[in-house]
Amino acid sequence: MSPEKLWLLSIALQKRGHRRLATLVRNVNSALYHNSLPPGASVSPDIEFGHHSLGTVIHPNVVIGRRVKIWHNVTIAVRAGSKSPYRIIIEDDVRIGANSVVISPYRQDLRIGRGARIGAGAVVGHDVPPGSTVVSAPPQVIPPDATDEEPATELRGGSQQSTNGSGGATSTASAPDAEWPS
């Protein structure tokens, strides 16, 4: 049985008042697929997980719309208790990439708009407008012996760009010919 079906079963059992059985099904899902999918969440029956939802953690105060796909190792967390009125609402046709984190502001709602895409590794802490794409910041390479005064090297699409520490680029070199900062 898939993690989606086990999660939907635990939600149905919880709604019918079978709390212990819902918890048992959730625990089986967790043991088989290494996830944390609570029976208290509100989920469309056509939810889809990538890679069997491995490592996925979802807060009970999450509402997930239709045709949503969530990849592995995703965390969706509300910064409030499970009995609070605050929610994360994920509208229809949203895609959430692997290793991303969606976390609401403290004691506030958060909404991911219809058709939005959250890239792998992105951290989302505010509302995302419909149709938007969220990606993570460009990675930077900081040498092991770097001091605060030395610039970091920013990696962008096959090139290395040295930054001056305040985010401004100072020089660019193509990746194959570039030398690492010494």
C-alpha atoms as a PDB file:
ATOM      1  CA  MET A   1       0.000   0.000   0.000  1.00  0.00           C
ATOM      2  CA  SER A   2       1.328   3.451  -0.915  1.00  0.00           C
ATOM      3  CA  PRO A   3       2.089   6.172   1.656  1.00  0.00           C
ATOM      4  CA  GLU A   4      -0.655   8.319   0.110  1.00  0.00           C
ATOM      5  CA  LYS A   5      -3.295   5.614   0.671  1.00  0.00           C
ATOM      6  CA  LEU A   6      -2.100   4.937   4.203  1.00  0.00           C
ATOM      7  CA  TRP A   7      -2.262   8.661   4.996  1.00  0.00           C
ATOM      8  CA  LEU A   8      -5.750   9.017   3.536  1.00  0.00           C
ATOM      9  CA  LEU A   9      -6.851   5.939   5.514  1.00  0.00           C
ATOM     10  CA  SER A  10      -5.500   7.378   8.772  1.00  0.00           C
ATOM     11  CA  ILE A  11      -7.287  10.695   8.058  1.00  0.00           C
ATOM     12  CA  ALA A  12     -10.585   8.875   7.347  1.00  0.00           C
ATOM     13  CA  LEU A  13     -10.256   6.839  10.548  1.00  0.00           C
ATOM     14  CA  GLN A  14      -9.530   9.990  12.576  1.00  0.00           C
ATOM     15  CA  LYS A  15     -12.608  11.754  11.126  1.00  0.00           C
ATOM     16  CA  ARG A  16     -14.787   8.775  12.080  1.00  0.00           C
ATOM     17  CA  GLY A  17     -13.550   8.918  15.673  1.00  0.00           C
ATOM     18  CA  HIS A  18     -11.201   5.908  15.509  1.00  0.00           C
ATOM     19  CA  ARG A  19      -8.261   7.778  16.966  1.00  0.00           C
ATOM     20  CA  ARG A  20      -6.193   4.777  18.094  1.00  0.00           C
ATOM     21  CA  LEU A  21      -6.611   2.984  14.780  1.00  0.00           C
ATOM     22  CA  ALA A  22      -5.714   6.192  12.914  1.00  0.00           C
ATOM     23  CA  THR A  23      -2.565   6.475  15.029  1.00  0.00           C
ATOM     24  CA  LEU A  24      -1.695   2.838  14.331  1.00  0.00           C
ATOM     25  CA  VAL A  25      -2.024   3.368  10.559  1.00  0.00           C
ATOM     26  CA  ARG A  26       0.091   6.549  10.825  1.00  0.00           C
ATOM     27  CA  ASN A  27       2.754   4.600  12.725  1.00  0.00           C
ATOM     28  CA  VAL A  28       2.774   1.839  10.090  1.00  0.00           C
ATOM     29  CA  ASN A  29       3.167   4.506   7.386  1.00  0.00           C
ATOM     30  CA  SER A  30       6.016   6.048   9.352  1.00  0.00           C
ATOM     31  CA  ALA A  31       7.761   2.693   9.860  1.00  0.00           C
ATOM     32  CA  LEU A  32       7.455   1.678   6.203  1.00  0.00           C
ATOM     33  CA  TYR A  33       8.215   5.006   4.548  1.00  0.00           C
ATOM     34  CA  HIS A  34      10.098   7.001   7.231  1.00  0.00           C
ATOM     35  CA  ASN A  35       7.672   9.922   7.157  1.00  0.00           C
ATOM     36  CA  SER A  36       5.440  11.818   9.571  1.00  0.00           C
ATOM     37  CA  LEU A  37       2.025  12.324   7.987  1.00  0.00           C
ATOM     38  CA  PRO A  38      -0.555  13.195  10.671  1.00  0.00           C
ATOM     39  CA  PRO A  39      -4.171  12.051  10.560  1.00  0.00           C
ATOM     40  CA  GLY A  40      -5.265  15.582  11.535  1.00  0.00           C
ATOM     41  CA  ALA A  41      -4.305  17.177   8.212  1.00  0.00           C
ATOM     42  CA  SER A  42      -6.811  17.980   5.472  1.00  0.00           C
ATOM     43  CA  VAL A  43      -5.682  16.443   2.187  1.00  0.00           C
ATOM     44  CA  SER A  44      -7.140  15.992  -1.287  1.00  0.00           C
ATOM     45  CA  PRO A  45      -7.472  12.317  -2.286  1.00  0.00           C
ATOM     46  CA  ASP A  46      -5.211  12.828  -5.325  1.00  0.00           C
ATOM     47  CA  ILE A  47      -2.123  13.895  -3.349  1.00  0.00           C
ATOM     48  CA  GLU A  48       1.060  12.465  -4.833  1.00  0.00           C
ATOM     49  CA  PHE A  49       4.448  11.881  -3.242  1.00  0.00           C
ATOM     50  CA  GLY A  50       7.777  11.475  -4.987  1.00  0.00           C
ATOM     51  CA  HIS A  51      10.065   8.701  -3.757  1.00  0.00           C
ATOM     52  CA  HIS A  52       7.402   7.260  -1.423  1.00  0.00           C
ATOM     53  CA  SER A  53       7.435  10.366   0.809  1.00  0.00           C
ATOM     54  CA  LEU A  54      10.731   9.342   2.378  1.00  0.00           C
ATOM     55  CA  GLY A  55      11.664  11.802   5.121  1.00  0.00           C
ATOM     56  CA  THR A  56       8.569  13.965   4.626  1.00  0.00           C
ATOM     57  CA  VAL A  57       7.227  15.708   7.746  1.00  0.00           C
ATOM     58  CA  ILE A  58       3.885  17.539   7.666  1.00  0.00           C
ATOM     59  CA  HIS A  59       2.196  19.415  10.524  1.00  0.00           C
ATOM     60  CA  PRO A  60      -1.432  18.542  11.381  1.00  0.00           C
ATOM     61  CA  ASN A  61      -2.591  22.109  10.571  1.00  0.00           C
ATOM     62  CA  VAL A  62      -1.908  21.771   6.861  1.00  0.00           C
ATOM     63  CA  VAL A  63      -4.569  21.913   4.154  1.00  0.00           C
ATOM     64  CA  ILE A  64      -3.485  20.435   0.800  1.00  0.00           C
ATOM     65  CA  GLY A  65      -5.444  21.037  -2.406  1.00  0.00           C
ATOM     66  CA  ARG A  66      -5.946  18.912  -5.518  1.00  0.00           C
ATOM     67  CA  ARG A  67      -3.183  17.551  -7.777  1.00  0.00           C
ATOM     68  CA  VAL A  68      -0.377  18.526  -5.390  1.00  0.00           C
ATOM     69  CA  LYS A  69       2.936  16.686  -5.681  1.00  0.00           C
ATOM     70  CA  ILE A  70       5.413  16.676  -2.829  1.00  0.00           C
ATOM     71  CA  TRP A  71       8.871  15.180  -3.280  1.00  0.00           C
ATOM     72  CA  HIS A  72      10.920  13.430  -0.591  1.00  0.00           C
ATOM     73  CA  ASN A  73      12.446  14.945   2.548  1.00  0.00           C
ATOM     74  CA  VAL A  74      10.067  17.940   2.618  1.00  0.00           C
ATOM     75  CA  THR A  75       9.081  19.637   5.879  1.00  0.00           C
ATOM     76  CA  ILE A  76       5.834  21.602   6.111  1.00  0.00           C
ATOM     77  CA  ALA A  77       5.510  23.130   9.574  1.00  0.00           C
ATOM     78  CA  VAL A  78       3.154  25.571  11.258  1.00  0.00           C
ATOM     79  CA  ARG A  79       4.803  27.554  14.049  1.00  0.00           C
ATOM     80  CA  ALA A  80       1.871  27.038  16.416  1.00  0.00           C
ATOM     81  CA  GLY A  81       0.254  24.136  18.247  1.00  0.00           C
ATOM     82  CA  SER A  82      -1.891  21.591  16.442  1.00  0.00           C
ATOM     83  CA  LYS A  83      -5.058  22.897  18.136  1.00  0.00           C
ATOM     84  CA  SER A  84      -4.379  26.498  17.065  1.00  0.00           C
ATOM     85  CA  PRO A  85      -6.376  28.209  14.281  1.00  0.00           C
ATOM     86  CA  TYR A  86      -3.229  28.873  12.192  1.00  0.00           C
ATOM     87  CA  ARG A  87      -2.784  26.903   8.966  1.00  0.00           C
ATOM     88  CA  ILE A  88      -0.592  26.371   5.962  1.00  0.00           C
ATOM     89  CA  ILE A  89      -2.829  26.215   2.905  1.00  0.00           C
ATOM     90  CA  ILE A  90      -1.390  24.632  -0.211  1.00  0.00           C
ATOM     91  CA  GLU A  91      -3.704  25.339  -3.120  1.00  0.00           C
ATOM     92  CA  ASP A  92      -4.328  23.167  -6.205  1.00  0.00           C
ATOM     93  CA  ASP A  93      -1.618  22.126  -8.710  1.00  0.00           C
ATOM     94  CA  VAL A  94       1.347  23.005  -6.475  1.00  0.00           C
ATOM     95  CA  ARG A  95       4.700  21.195  -6.828  1.00  0.00           C
ATOM     96  CA  ILE A  96       7.114  21.070  -3.871  1.00  0.00           C
ATOM     97  CA  GLY A  97      10.676  19.933  -4.630  1.00  0.00           C
ATOM     98  CA  ALA A  98      12.890  17.623  -2.590  1.00  0.00           C
ATOM     99  CA  ASN A  99      14.518  18.881   0.613  1.00  0.00           C
ATOM    100  CA  SER A 100      12.430  22.051   0.734  1.00  0.00           C
ATOM    101  CA  VAL A 101      11.001  23.573   3.897  1.00  0.00           C
ATOM    102  CA  VAL A 102       7.711  25.439   4.203  1.00  0.00           C
ATOM    103  CA  ILE A 103       7.389  27.069   7.630  1.00  0.00           C
ATOM    104  CA  SER A 104       4.764  29.599   8.636  1.00  0.00           C
ATOM    105  CA  PRO A 105       5.609  32.807  10.467  1.00  0.00           C
ATOM    106  CA  TYR A 106       5.078  32.495  14.231  1.00  0.00           C
ATOM    107  CA  ARG A 107       1.355  32.177  14.930  1.00  0.00           C
ATOM    108  CA  GLN A 108       0.326  33.174  11.409  1.00  0.00           C
ATOM    109  CA  ASP A 109      -1.155  31.506   8.352  1.00  0.00           C
ATOM    110  CA  LEU A 110       0.825  30.843   5.190  1.00  0.00           C
ATOM    111  CA  ARG A 111      -0.612  30.254   1.707  1.00  0.00           C
ATOM    112  CA  ILE A 112       1.033  28.655  -1.314  1.00  0.00           C
ATOM    113  CA  GLY A 113      -0.947  29.889  -4.341  1.00  0.00           C
ATOM    114  CA  ARG A 114      -2.476  27.769  -7.077  1.00  0.00           C
ATOM    115  CA  GLY A 115       0.076  26.367  -9.552  1.00  0.00           C
ATOM    116  CA  ALA A 116       3.094  27.576  -7.553  1.00  0.00           C
ATOM    117  CA  ARG A 117       6.353  25.642  -7.686  1.00  0.00           C
ATOM    118  CA  ILE A 118       8.840  25.383  -4.850  1.00  0.00           C
ATOM    119  CA  GLY A 119      12.275  24.324  -6.024  1.00  0.00           C
ATOM    120  CA  ALA A 120      14.441  21.701  -4.389  1.00  0.00           C
ATOM    121  CA  GLY A 121      16.103  22.935  -1.222  1.00  0.00           C
ATOM    122  CA  ALA A 122      14.081  26.165  -1.033  1.00  0.00           C
ATOM    123  CA  VAL A 123      12.988  27.585   2.321  1.00  0.00           C
ATOM    124  CA  VAL A 124       9.588  29.305   2.258  1.00  0.00           C
ATOM    125  CA  GLY A 125       8.529  31.501   5.179  1.00  0.00           C
ATOM    126  CA  HIS A 126       5.973  33.810   3.528  1.00  0.00           C
ATOM    127  CA  ASP A 127       2.975  33.527   1.209  1.00  0.00           C
ATOM    128  CA  VAL A 128       3.737  32.457  -2.373  1.00  0.00           C
ATOM    129  CA  PRO A 129       1.565  34.084  -5.088  1.00  0.00           C
ATOM    130  CA  PRO A 130      -0.272  31.815  -7.551  1.00  0.00           C
ATOM    131  CA  GLY A 131       1.871  30.607 -10.452  1.00  0.00           C
ATOM    132  CA  SER A 132       5.140  31.725  -8.841  1.00  0.00           C
ATOM    133  CA  THR A 133       8.345  29.718  -8.550  1.00  0.00           C
ATOM    134  CA  VAL A 134      10.521  29.791  -5.428  1.00  0.00           C
ATOM    135  CA  VAL A 135      14.170  28.730  -5.679  1.00  0.00           C
ATOM    136  CA  SER A 136      16.964  28.609  -3.136  1.00  0.00           C
ATOM    137  CA  ALA A 137      19.720  31.185  -2.851  1.00  0.00           C
ATOM    138  CA  PRO A 138      22.824  30.695  -4.991  1.00  0.00           C
ATOM    139  CA  PRO A 139      25.357  28.490  -3.227  1.00  0.00           C
ATOM    140  CA  GLN A 140      28.631  29.958  -2.027  1.00  0.00           C
ATOM    141  CA  VAL A 141      31.925  28.185  -1.490  1.00  0.00           C
ATOM    142  CA  ILE A 142      33.776  29.360   1.592  1.00  0.00           C
ATOM    143  CA  PRO A 143      37.300  27.945   1.922  1.00  0.00           C
ATOM    144  CA  PRO A 144      38.053  26.161   5.209  1.00  0.00           C
ATOM    145  CA  ASP A 145      40.677  28.720   6.225  1.00  0.00           C
ATOM    146  CA  ALA A 146      38.640  31.823   5.229  1.00  0.00           C
ATOM    147  CA  THR A 147      38.412  34.848   7.476  1.00  0.00           C
ATOM    148  CA  ASP A 148      35.571  37.361   7.607  1.00  0.00           C
ATOM    149  CA  GLU A 149      37.518  39.768   5.376  1.00  0.00           C
ATOM    150  CA  GLU A 150      38.071  37.240   2.550  1.00  0.00           C
ATOM    151  CA  PRO A 151      35.461  37.102  -0.206  1.00  0.00           C
ATOM    152  CA  ALA A 152      33.364  33.968  -0.708  1.00  0.00           C
ATOM    153  CA  THR A 153      33.064  32.304  -4.099  1.00  0.00           C
ATOM    154  CA  GLU A 154      29.523  32.153  -5.444  1.00  0.00           C
ATOM    155  CA  LEU A 155      28.635  29.363  -7.854  1.00  0.00           C
ATOM    156  CA  ARG A 156      26.279  30.283 -10.692  1.00  0.00           C
ATOM    157  CA  GLY A 157      25.482  28.038 -13.623  1.00  0.00           C
ATOM    158  CA  GLY A 158      28.982  26.801 -14.429  1.00  0.00           C
ATOM    159  CA  SER A 159      30.849  29.918 -13.393  1.00  0.00           C
ATOM    160  CA  GLN A 160      32.430  31.065 -10.177  1.00  0.00           C
ATOM    161  CA  GLN A 161      31.845  34.563  -8.992  1.00  0.00           C
ATOM    162  CA  SER A 162      33.804  36.071  -6.162  1.00  0.00           C
ATOM    163  CA  THR A 163      31.738  38.217  -3.814  1.00  0.00           C
ATOM    164  CA  ASN A 164      32.900  41.011  -1.581  1.00  0.00           C
ATOM    165  CA  GLY A 165      31.021  39.725   1.464  1.00  0.00           C
ATOM    166  CA  SER A 166      28.122  42.180   1.113  1.00  0.00           C
ATOM    167  CA  GLY A 167      26.574  40.234  -1.764  1.00  0.00           C
ATOM    168  CA  GLY A 168      28.127  42.310  -4.557  1.00  0.00           C
ATOM    169  CA  ALA A 169      30.149  40.500  -7.197  1.00  0.00           C
ATOM    170  CA  THR A 170      33.755  41.534  -7.657  1.00  0.00           C
ATOM    171  CA  SER A 171      34.997  39.231 -10.419  1.00  0.00           C
ATOM    172  CA  THR A 172      33.839  36.372 -12.599  1.00  0.00           C
ATOM    173  CA  ALA A 173      35.722  33.459 -14.128  1.00  0.00           C
ATOM    174  CA  SER A 174      34.551  30.511 -16.155  1.00  0.00           C
ATOM    175  CA  ALA A 175      34.513  27.289 -14.105  1.00  0.00           C
ATOM    176  CA  PRO A 176      37.074  25.127 -15.999  1.00  0.00           C
ATOM    177  CA  ASP A 177      39.737  27.864 -15.980  1.00  0.00           C
ATOM    178  CA  ALA A 178      38.982  29.281 -12.531  1.00  0.00           C
ATOM    179  CA  GLU A 179      41.322  28.756  -9.629  1.00  0.00           C
ATOM    180  CA  TRP A 180      40.042  28.291  -6.125  1.00  0.00           C
ATOM    181  CA  PRO A 181      40.770  31.094  -3.660  1.00  0.00           C
ATOM    182  CA  SER A 182      43.936  30.388  -1.711  1.00  0.00           C
END
